[in-house]
Protein backbone atom coordinates (compact mmCIF):
# COMPACT_ATOMS: atom_id res chain seq x y z
CA UNK A 1 134.76 94.89 70.49
CA UNK A 2 135.71 91.63 72.14
CA UNK A 3 137.51 88.89 70.26
CA UNK A 4 136.12 85.44 71.05
CA UNK A 5 138.11 83.37 68.58
CA UNK A 6 141.20 82.76 70.72
CA UNK A 7 139.77 83.22 74.18
CA UNK A 8 141.49 86.60 74.56
CA UNK A 9 139.40 89.68 75.18
CA UNK A 10 140.23 92.53 72.81
CA UNK A 11 138.60 95.94 72.66
CA UNK A 12 138.90 98.51 69.90
CA UNK A 13 137.84 102.13 69.94
CA UNK A 14 135.17 102.89 67.32
CA UNK A 15 134.82 106.47 66.10
CA UNK A 16 131.43 107.32 64.57
CA UNK A 17 130.99 110.51 62.57
CA UNK A 18 127.73 111.94 61.23
CA UNK A 19 127.49 113.37 57.71
CA UNK A 20 124.53 114.93 55.92
CA UNK A 21 123.38 111.57 54.56
CA UNK A 22 124.67 108.83 56.88
CA UNK A 23 127.08 107.81 59.63
CA UNK A 24 130.61 106.49 59.11
CA UNK A 25 132.73 104.51 61.53
CA UNK A 26 136.39 103.58 61.83
CA UNK A 27 138.90 102.36 64.37
CA UNK A 28 142.24 104.16 64.75
CA UNK A 29 143.79 100.84 65.81
CA UNK A 30 142.79 99.09 62.56
CA UNK A 31 143.77 101.22 59.55
CA UNK A 32 141.51 100.62 56.56
CA UNK A 33 138.74 99.04 58.63
CA UNK A 34 135.67 101.21 58.02
CA UNK A 35 131.87 100.96 57.87
CA UNK A 36 128.83 103.10 57.17
CA UNK A 37 125.17 103.06 58.10
CA UNK A 38 121.98 105.06 57.75
CA UNK A 39 121.80 105.36 61.55
CA UNK A 40 124.39 105.56 64.31
CA UNK A 41 123.35 102.10 65.53
CA UNK A 42 123.62 100.60 62.05
CA UNK A 43 127.10 102.10 61.59
CA UNK A 44 128.19 100.62 64.93
CA UNK A 45 126.78 97.19 64.08
CA UNK A 46 128.42 97.25 60.64
CA UNK A 47 131.71 98.31 62.22
CA UNK A 48 131.64 95.45 64.71
CA UNK A 49 131.18 93.05 61.80
CA UNK A 50 133.95 94.80 59.84
CA UNK A 51 136.34 94.47 62.79
CA UNK A 52 135.60 90.75 63.12
CA UNK A 53 136.17 90.25 59.38
CA UNK A 54 139.35 92.37 59.49
CA UNK A 55 140.79 90.37 62.40
CA UNK A 56 139.99 87.07 60.65
CA UNK A 57 141.92 88.28 57.62
CA UNK A 58 144.89 89.31 59.75
CA UNK A 59 144.97 85.88 61.40
CA UNK A 60 144.80 84.10 58.04
CA UNK A 61 147.63 86.24 56.67
CA UNK A 62 149.72 85.54 59.75
């Protein structure tokens, strides 16, 4: 994941786990930032969006 908002490049590890019904994703570097999807690709896409949203919130909170 690359941050584009401040010109700095940031990358975060995304862990994707498969369950019986879907895929879940999280980043160890961002506690509480999680996502799910019906497919591995959907979980990854949702997680990238979740990370962007999470980082925006952190910036707003200072």
